[in-house]
Amino acid sequence: AKQIYNFNKNAKIFAVIRNPIERYESAYN
């Protein structure tokens, strides 16, 4: 976060989050 702010403080940032239990199973696979 700090590095990207220093690179381009005007950038737009977004994330997609998933039930962490489902995410764990998917990442395990």
PDB file of all heavy atoms in Angstrom:
ATOM      1  N   ALA A   1       0.836  -1.206   0.000  1.00  0.00           N
ATOM      2  CA  ALA A   1       0.000   0.000   0.000  1.00  0.00           C
ATOM      3  C   ALA A   1       0.873   1.259   0.000  1.00  0.00           C
ATOM      4  O   ALA A   1       0.634   2.200  -0.774  1.00  0.00           O
ATOM      5  CB  ALA A   1      -0.920  -0.014   1.216  1.00  0.00           C
ATOM      6  N   LYS A   2       1.872   1.270   0.850  1.00  0.00           N
ATOM      7  CA  LYS A   2       2.774   2.424   0.927  1.00  0.00           C
ATOM      8  C   LYS A   2       3.560   2.592  -0.370  1.00  0.00           C
ATOM      9  O   LYS A   2       3.711   3.712  -0.872  1.00  0.00           O
ATOM     10  CB  LYS A   2       3.732   2.248   2.100  1.00  0.00           C
ATOM     11  CG  LYS A   2       4.733   3.384   2.252  1.00  0.00           C
ATOM     12  CD  LYS A   2       5.654   3.126   3.438  1.00  0.00           C
ATOM     13  CE  LYS A   2       6.690   4.237   3.572  1.00  0.00           C
ATOM     14  NZ  LYS A   2       7.608   3.958   4.713  1.00  0.00           N
ATOM     15  N   GLN A   3       4.039   1.465  -0.911  1.00  0.00           N
ATOM     16  CA  GLN A   3       4.837   1.535  -2.133  1.00  0.00           C
ATOM     17  C   GLN A   3       4.008   2.044  -3.311  1.00  0.00           C
ATOM     18  O   GLN A   3       4.488   2.854  -4.124  1.00  0.00           O
ATOM     19  CB  GLN A   3       5.417   0.153  -2.466  1.00  0.00           C
ATOM     20  CG  GLN A   3       6.306  -0.444  -1.391  1.00  0.00           C
ATOM     21  CD  GLN A   3       7.501   0.434  -1.055  1.00  0.00           C
ATOM     22  OE1 GLN A   3       7.902   1.283  -1.853  1.00  0.00           O
ATOM     23  NE2 GLN A   3       8.053   0.242   0.116  1.00  0.00           N
ATOM     24  N   ILE A   4       2.770   1.583  -3.427  1.00  0.00           N
ATOM     25  CA  ILE A   4       1.929   2.036  -4.535  1.00  0.00           C
ATOM     26  C   ILE A   4       1.533   3.496  -4.347  1.00  0.00           C
ATOM     27  O   ILE A   4       1.458   4.264  -5.321  1.00  0.00           O
ATOM     28  CB  ILE A   4       0.702   1.112  -4.693  1.00  0.00           C
ATOM     29  CG1 ILE A   4       1.154  -0.262  -5.215  1.00  0.00           C
ATOM     30  CG2 ILE A   4      -0.333   1.730  -5.647  1.00  0.00           C
ATOM     31  CD1 ILE A   4       0.051  -1.296  -5.300  1.00  0.00           C
ATOM     32  N   TYR A   5       1.296   3.904  -3.104  1.00  0.00           N
ATOM     33  CA  TYR A   5       1.003   5.318  -2.845  1.00  0.00           C
ATOM     34  C   TYR A   5       2.177   6.194  -3.286  1.00  0.00           C
ATOM     35  O   TYR A   5       1.982   7.241  -3.917  1.00  0.00           O
ATOM     36  CB  TYR A   5       0.717   5.538  -1.361  1.00  0.00           C
ATOM     37  CG  TYR A   5       0.392   6.965  -1.020  1.00  0.00           C
ATOM     38  CD1 TYR A   5      -0.889   7.471  -1.181  1.00  0.00           C
ATOM     39  CD2 TYR A   5       1.391   7.827  -0.543  1.00  0.00           C
ATOM     40  CE1 TYR A   5      -1.182   8.810  -0.884  1.00  0.00           C
ATOM     41  CE2 TYR A   5       1.111   9.147  -0.248  1.00  0.00           C
ATOM     42  CZ  TYR A   5      -0.176   9.631  -0.421  1.00  0.00           C
ATOM     43  OH  TYR A   5      -0.454  10.948  -0.132  1.00  0.00           O
ATOM     44  N   ASN A   6       3.392   5.772  -2.968  1.00  0.00           N
ATOM     45  CA  ASN A   6       4.571   6.540  -3.372  1.00  0.00           C
ATOM     46  C   ASN A   6       4.746   6.537  -4.888  1.00  0.00           C
ATOM     47  O   ASN A   6       5.281   7.488  -5.465  1.00  0.00           O
ATOM     48  CB  ASN A   6       5.823   5.972  -2.713  1.00  0.00           C
ATOM     49  CG  ASN A   6       5.851   6.225  -1.212  1.00  0.00           C
ATOM     50  OD1 ASN A   6       5.204   7.146  -0.719  1.00  0.00           O
ATOM     51  ND2 ASN A   6       6.596   5.414  -0.484  1.00  0.00           N
ATOM     52  N   PHE A   7       4.279   5.468  -5.533  1.00  0.00           N
ATOM     53  CA  PHE A   7       4.377   5.347  -6.994  1.00  0.00           C
ATOM     54  C   PHE A   7       3.317   6.194  -7.693  1.00  0.00           C
ATOM     55  O   PHE A   7       3.606   6.917  -8.642  1.00  0.00           O
ATOM     56  CB  PHE A   7       4.228   3.878  -7.378  1.00  0.00           C
ATOM     57  CG  PHE A   7       4.084   3.622  -8.842  1.00  0.00           C
ATOM     58  CD1 PHE A   7       5.154   3.783  -9.710  1.00  0.00           C
ATOM     59  CD2 PHE A   7       2.854   3.201  -9.366  1.00  0.00           C
ATOM     60  CE1 PHE A   7       5.012   3.538 -11.081  1.00  0.00           C
ATOM     61  CE2 PHE A   7       2.711   2.956 -10.723  1.00  0.00           C
ATOM     62  CZ  PHE A   7       3.796   3.126 -11.582  1.00  0.00           C
ATOM     63  N   ASN A   8       2.070   6.107  -7.210  1.00  0.00           N
ATOM     64  CA  ASN A   8       0.971   6.857  -7.828  1.00  0.00           C
ATOM     65  C   ASN A   8      -0.134   7.047  -6.795  1.00  0.00           C
ATOM     66  O   ASN A   8      -1.033   6.213  -6.673  1.00  0.00           O
ATOM     67  CB  ASN A   8       0.436   6.117  -9.051  1.00  0.00           C
ATOM     68  CG  ASN A   8      -0.619   6.920  -9.807  1.00  0.00           C
ATOM     69  OD1 ASN A   8      -1.044   7.997  -9.354  1.00  0.00           O
ATOM     70  ND2 ASN A   8      -1.060   6.406 -10.941  1.00  0.00           N
ATOM     71  N   LYS A   9      -0.072   8.132  -6.067  1.00  0.00           N
ATOM     72  CA  LYS A   9      -1.019   8.371  -4.974  1.00  0.00           C
ATOM     73  C   LYS A   9      -2.441   8.611  -5.469  1.00  0.00           C
ATOM     74  O   LYS A   9      -3.397   8.561  -4.684  1.00  0.00           O
ATOM     75  CB  LYS A   9      -0.563   9.541  -4.116  1.00  0.00           C
ATOM     76  CG  LYS A   9      -0.569  10.886  -4.814  1.00  0.00           C
ATOM     77  CD  LYS A   9      -0.074  11.972  -3.862  1.00  0.00           C
ATOM     78  CE  LYS A   9      -0.061  13.334  -4.533  1.00  0.00           C
ATOM     79  NZ  LYS A   9       0.450  14.386  -3.612  1.00  0.00           N
ATOM     80  N   ASN A  10      -2.604   8.859  -6.771  1.00  0.00           N
ATOM     81  CA  ASN A  10      -3.935   9.094  -7.328  1.00  0.00           C
ATOM     82  C   ASN A  10      -4.561   7.840  -7.925  1.00  0.00           C
ATOM     83  O   ASN A  10      -5.625   7.903  -8.538  1.00  0.00           O
ATOM     84  CB  ASN A  10      -3.857  10.187  -8.395  1.00  0.00           C
ATOM     85  CG  ASN A  10      -3.424  11.525  -7.825  1.00  0.00           C
ATOM     86  OD1 ASN A  10      -3.929  11.948  -6.786  1.00  0.00           O
ATOM     87  ND2 ASN A  10      -2.485  12.180  -8.487  1.00  0.00           N
ATOM     88  N   ALA A  11      -3.895   6.708  -7.755  1.00  0.00           N
ATOM     89  CA  ALA A  11      -4.408   5.457  -8.319  1.00  0.00           C
ATOM     90  C   ALA A  11      -5.724   5.054  -7.662  1.00  0.00           C
ATOM     91  O   ALA A  11      -5.979   5.369  -6.492  1.00  0.00           O
ATOM     92  CB  ALA A  11      -3.375   4.348  -8.148  1.00  0.00           C
ATOM     93  N   LYS A  12      -6.547   4.349  -8.427  1.00  0.00           N
ATOM     94  CA  LYS A  12      -7.768   3.734  -7.892  1.00  0.00           C
ATOM     95  C   LYS A  12      -7.422   2.310  -7.478  1.00  0.00           C
ATOM     96  O   LYS A  12      -6.749   1.582  -8.217  1.00  0.00           O
ATOM     97  CB  LYS A  12      -8.858   3.700  -8.954  1.00  0.00           C
ATOM     98  CG  LYS A  12      -9.427   5.060  -9.325  1.00  0.00           C
ATOM     99  CD  LYS A  12     -10.677   5.346  -8.528  1.00  0.00           C
ATOM    100  CE  LYS A  12     -11.454   6.515  -9.107  1.00  0.00           C
ATOM    101  NZ  LYS A  12     -12.717   6.746  -8.384  1.00  0.00           N
ATOM    102  N   ILE A  13      -7.920   1.913  -6.291  1.00  0.00           N
ATOM    103  CA  ILE A  13      -7.602   0.596  -5.750  1.00  0.00           C
ATOM    104  C   ILE A  13      -8.904  -0.123  -5.422  1.00  0.00           C
ATOM    105  O   ILE A  13      -9.798   0.454  -4.788  1.00  0.00           O
ATOM    106  CB  ILE A  13      -6.766   0.694  -4.453  1.00  0.00           C
ATOM    107  CG1 ILE A  13      -5.640   1.724  -4.598  1.00  0.00           C
ATOM    108  CG2 ILE A  13      -6.246  -0.678  -4.054  1.00  0.00           C
ATOM    109  CD1 ILE A  13      -4.529   1.350  -5.510  1.00  0.00           C
ATOM    110  N   PHE A  14      -9.013  -1.395  -5.853  1.00  0.00           N
ATOM    111  CA  PHE A  14     -10.175  -2.181  -5.452  1.00  0.00           C
ATOM    112  C   PHE A  14      -9.771  -3.630  -5.229  1.00  0.00           C
ATOM    113  O   PHE A  14      -8.731  -4.097  -5.697  1.00  0.00           O
ATOM    114  CB  PHE A  14     -11.322  -2.052  -6.453  1.00  0.00           C
ATOM    115  CG  PHE A  14     -11.148  -2.796  -7.754  1.00  0.00           C
ATOM    116  CD1 PHE A  14     -11.819  -3.994  -7.988  1.00  0.00           C
ATOM    117  CD2 PHE A  14     -10.341  -2.290  -8.769  1.00  0.00           C
ATOM    118  CE1 PHE A  14     -11.694  -4.658  -9.193  1.00  0.00           C
ATOM    119  CE2 PHE A  14     -10.215  -2.951  -9.976  1.00  0.00           C
ATOM    120  CZ  PHE A  14     -10.890  -4.145 -10.188  1.00  0.00           C
ATOM    121  N   ALA A  15     -10.608  -4.316  -4.459  1.00  0.00           N
ATOM    122  CA  ALA A  15     -10.358  -5.720  -4.121  1.00  0.00           C
ATOM    123  C   ALA A  15     -11.665  -6.490  -4.182  1.00  0.00           C
ATOM    124  O   ALA A  15     -12.748  -5.922  -4.007  1.00  0.00           O
ATOM    125  CB  ALA A  15      -9.753  -5.832  -2.722  1.00  0.00           C
ATOM    126  N   VAL A  16     -11.554  -7.780  -4.441  1.00  0.00           N
ATOM    127  CA  VAL A  16     -12.687  -8.710  -4.369  1.00  0.00           C
ATOM    128  C   VAL A  16     -12.349  -9.716  -3.267  1.00  0.00           C
ATOM    129  O   VAL A  16     -11.278 -10.318  -3.287  1.00  0.00           O
ATOM    130  CB  VAL A  16     -12.911  -9.450  -5.697  1.00  0.00           C
ATOM    131  CG1 VAL A  16     -14.177 -10.300  -5.617  1.00  0.00           C
ATOM    132  CG2 VAL A  16     -12.979  -8.477  -6.867  1.00  0.00           C
ATOM    133  N   ILE A  17     -13.245  -9.870  -2.312  1.00  0.00           N
ATOM    134  CA  ILE A  17     -12.993 -10.791  -1.208  1.00  0.00           C
ATOM    135  C   ILE A  17     -14.029 -11.911  -1.217  1.00  0.00           C
ATOM    136  O   ILE A  17     -15.150 -11.730  -1.670  1.00  0.00           O
ATOM    137  CB  ILE A  17     -12.988 -10.076   0.154  1.00  0.00           C
ATOM    138  CG1 ILE A  17     -14.308  -9.348   0.409  1.00  0.00           C
ATOM    139  CG2 ILE A  17     -11.808  -9.110   0.237  1.00  0.00           C
ATOM    140  CD1 ILE A  17     -14.421  -8.747   1.804  1.00  0.00           C
ATOM    141  N   ARG A  18     -13.627 -13.045  -0.693  1.00  0.00           N
ATOM    142  CA  ARG A  18     -14.446 -14.249  -0.708  1.00  0.00           C
ATOM    143  C   ARG A  18     -14.479 -14.846   0.688  1.00  0.00           C
ATOM    144  O   ARG A  18     -13.527 -14.681   1.462  1.00  0.00           O
ATOM    145  CB  ARG A  18     -13.820 -15.250  -1.696  1.00  0.00           C
ATOM    146  CG  ARG A  18     -14.537 -16.571  -1.856  1.00  0.00           C
ATOM    147  CD  ARG A  18     -13.765 -17.441  -2.843  1.00  0.00           C
ATOM    148  NE  ARG A  18     -14.485 -18.669  -3.177  1.00  0.00           N
ATOM    149  CZ  ARG A  18     -14.031 -19.582  -4.041  1.00  0.00           C
ATOM    150  NH1 ARG A  18     -12.848 -19.400  -4.633  1.00  0.00           N
ATOM    151  NH2 ARG A  18     -14.741 -20.671  -4.302  1.00  0.00           N
ATOM    152  N   ASN A  19     -15.565 -15.523   1.021  1.00  0.00           N
ATOM    153  CA  ASN A  19     -15.602 -16.266   2.284  1.00  0.00           C
ATOM    154  C   ASN A  19     -14.230 -16.916   2.492  1.00  0.00           C
ATOM    155  O   ASN A  19     -13.789 -17.717   1.667  1.00  0.00           O
ATOM    156  CB  ASN A  19     -16.691 -17.336   2.193  1.00  0.00           C
ATOM    157  CG  ASN A  19     -16.830 -18.151   3.473  1.00  0.00           C
ATOM    158  OD1 ASN A  19     -15.873 -18.387   4.194  1.00  0.00           O
ATOM    159  ND2 ASN A  19     -18.040 -18.606   3.748  1.00  0.00           N
ATOM    160  N   PRO A  20     -13.512 -16.558   3.568  1.00  0.00           N
ATOM    161  CA  PRO A  20     -12.134 -17.040   3.717  1.00  0.00           C
ATOM    162  C   PRO A  20     -12.021 -18.555   3.849  1.00  0.00           C
ATOM    163  O   PRO A  20     -10.960 -19.116   3.564  1.00  0.00           O
ATOM    164  CB  PRO A  20     -11.648 -16.336   4.988  1.00  0.00           C
ATOM    165  CG  PRO A  20     -12.892 -15.991   5.736  1.00  0.00           C
ATOM    166  CD  PRO A  20     -13.923 -15.701   4.685  1.00  0.00           C
ATOM    167  N   ILE A  21     -13.109 -19.216   4.247  1.00  0.00           N
ATOM    168  CA  ILE A  21     -13.091 -20.680   4.346  1.00  0.00           C
ATOM    169  C   ILE A  21     -13.127 -21.282   2.946  1.00  0.00           C
ATOM    170  O   ILE A  21     -12.362 -22.192   2.614  1.00  0.00           O
ATOM    171  CB  ILE A  21     -14.268 -21.162   5.208  1.00  0.00           C
ATOM    172  CG1 ILE A  21     -14.151 -20.583   6.618  1.00  0.00           C
ATOM    173  CG2 ILE A  21     -14.324 -22.690   5.267  1.00  0.00           C
ATOM    174  CD1 ILE A  21     -15.420 -20.583   7.414  1.00  0.00           C
ATOM    175  N   GLU A  22     -14.002 -20.755   2.100  1.00  0.00           N
ATOM    176  CA  GLU A  22     -14.035 -21.186   0.703  1.00  0.00           C
ATOM    177  C   GLU A  22     -12.721 -20.834  -0.007  1.00  0.00           C
ATOM    178  O   GLU A  22     -12.212 -21.605  -0.819  1.00  0.00           O
ATOM    179  CB  GLU A  22     -15.195 -20.511  -0.029  1.00  0.00           C
ATOM    180  CG  GLU A  22     -16.574 -20.935   0.433  1.00  0.00           C
ATOM    181  CD  GLU A  22     -17.666 -20.196  -0.318  1.00  0.00           C
ATOM    182  OE1 GLU A  22     -17.314 -19.355  -1.190  1.00  0.00           O
ATOM    183  OE2 GLU A  22     -18.849 -20.437  -0.038  1.00  0.00           O
ATOM    184  N   ARG A  23     -12.207 -19.650   0.297  1.00  0.00           N
ATOM    185  CA  ARG A  23     -10.948 -19.218  -0.319  1.00  0.00           C
ATOM    186  C   ARG A  23      -9.808 -20.145   0.068  1.00  0.00           C
ATOM    187  O   ARG A  23      -8.955 -20.490  -0.771  1.00  0.00           O
ATOM    188  CB  ARG A  23     -10.625 -17.787   0.116  1.00  0.00           C
ATOM    189  CG  ARG A  23      -9.580 -17.089  -0.755  1.00  0.00           C
ATOM    190  CD  ARG A  23      -8.659 -16.198   0.048  1.00  0.00           C
ATOM    191  NE  ARG A  23      -7.762 -16.989   0.861  1.00  0.00           N
ATOM    192  CZ  ARG A  23      -6.633 -17.541   0.412  1.00  0.00           C
ATOM    193  NH1 ARG A  23      -6.268 -17.393  -0.843  1.00  0.00           N
ATOM    194  NH2 ARG A  23      -5.872 -18.264   1.215  1.00  0.00           N
ATOM    195  N   TYR A  24      -9.781 -20.567   1.339  1.00  0.00           N
ATOM    196  CA  TYR A  24      -8.738 -21.481   1.807  1.00  0.00           C
ATOM    197  C   TYR A  24      -8.795 -22.786   1.008  1.00  0.00           C
ATOM    198  O   TYR A  24      -7.768 -23.274   0.526  1.00  0.00           O
ATOM    199  CB  TYR A  24      -8.924 -21.767   3.295  1.00  0.00           C
ATOM    200  CG  TYR A  24      -7.854 -22.674   3.870  1.00  0.00           C
ATOM    201  CD1 TYR A  24      -6.754 -22.138   4.535  1.00  0.00           C
ATOM    202  CD2 TYR A  24      -7.929 -24.060   3.732  1.00  0.00           C
ATOM    203  CE1 TYR A  24      -5.759 -22.960   5.050  1.00  0.00           C
ATOM    204  CE2 TYR A  24      -6.940 -24.888   4.230  1.00  0.00           C
ATOM    205  CZ  TYR A  24      -5.863 -24.334   4.891  1.00  0.00           C
ATOM    206  OH  TYR A  24      -4.876 -25.166   5.381  1.00  0.00           O
ATOM    207  N   GLU A  25      -9.995 -23.343   0.852  1.00  0.00           N
ATOM    208  CA  GLU A  25     -10.153 -24.602   0.123  1.00  0.00           C
ATOM    209  C   GLU A  25      -9.690 -24.443  -1.334  1.00  0.00           C
ATOM    210  O   GLU A  25      -8.974 -25.308  -1.875  1.00  0.00           O
ATOM    211  CB  GLU A  25     -11.606 -25.047   0.163  1.00  0.00           C
ATOM    212  CG  GLU A  25     -11.864 -26.402  -0.487  1.00  0.00           C
ATOM    213  CD  GLU A  25     -13.323 -26.821  -0.356  1.00  0.00           C
ATOM    214  OE1 GLU A  25     -14.129 -26.431  -1.224  1.00  0.00           O
ATOM    215  OE2 GLU A  25     -13.646 -27.520   0.615  1.00  0.00           O
ATOM    216  N   SER A  26     -10.069 -23.350  -1.966  1.00  0.00           N
ATOM    217  CA  SER A  26      -9.683 -23.110  -3.354  1.00  0.00           C
ATOM    218  C   SER A  26      -8.178 -22.929  -3.475  1.00  0.00           C
ATOM    219  O   SER A  26      -7.543 -23.469  -4.393  1.00  0.00           O
ATOM    220  CB  SER A  26     -10.409 -21.873  -3.889  1.00  0.00           C
ATOM    221  OG  SER A  26     -10.071 -21.627  -5.227  1.00  0.00           O
ATOM    222  N   ALA A  27      -7.590 -22.169  -2.556  1.00  0.00           N
ATOM    223  CA  ALA A  27      -6.145 -21.945  -2.593  1.00  0.00           C
ATOM    224  C   ALA A  27      -5.378 -23.237  -2.325  1.00  0.00           C
ATOM    225  O   ALA A  27      -4.327 -23.482  -2.930  1.00  0.00           O
ATOM    226  CB  ALA A  27      -5.753 -20.884  -1.570  1.00  0.00           C
ATOM    227  N   TYR A  28      -5.897 -24.075  -1.452  1.00  0.00           N
ATOM    228  CA  TYR A  28      -5.275 -25.368  -1.158  1.00  0.00           C
ATOM    229  C   TYR A  28      -5.189 -26.200  -2.437  1.00  0.00           C
ATOM    230  O   TYR A  28      -4.139 -26.783  -2.766  1.00  0.00           O
ATOM    231  CB  TYR A  28      -6.091 -26.091  -0.087  1.00  0.00           C
ATOM    232  CG  TYR A  28      -5.396 -27.241   0.602  1.00  0.00           C
ATOM    233  CD1 TYR A  28      -4.933 -27.108   1.901  1.00  0.00           C
ATOM    234  CD2 TYR A  28      -5.227 -28.465  -0.023  1.00  0.00           C
ATOM    235  CE1 TYR A  28      -4.293 -28.160   2.554  1.00  0.00           C
ATOM    236  CE2 TYR A  28      -4.613 -29.530   0.609  1.00  0.00           C
ATOM    237  CZ  TYR A  28      -4.142 -29.364   1.903  1.00  0.00           C
ATOM    238  OH  TYR A  28      -3.526 -30.413   2.535  1.00  0.00           O
ATOM    239  N   ASN A  29      -6.284 -26.238  -3.190  1.00  0.00           N
ATOM    240  CA  ASN A  29      -6.296 -26.971  -4.455  1.00  0.00           C
ATOM    241  C   ASN A  29      -5.335 -26.346  -5.467  1.00  0.00           C
ATOM    242  O   ASN A  29      -4.673 -27.061  -6.231  1.00  0.00           O
ATOM    243  CB  ASN A  29      -7.714 -27.012  -5.025  1.00  0.00           C
ATOM    244  CG  ASN A  29      -8.577 -28.078  -4.370  1.00  0.00           C
ATOM    245  OD1 ASN A  29      -8.496 -29.249  -4.716  1.00  0.00           O
ATOM    246  ND2 ASN A  29      -9.405 -27.683  -3.421  1.00  0.00           N
TER     247      ASN A  29
END
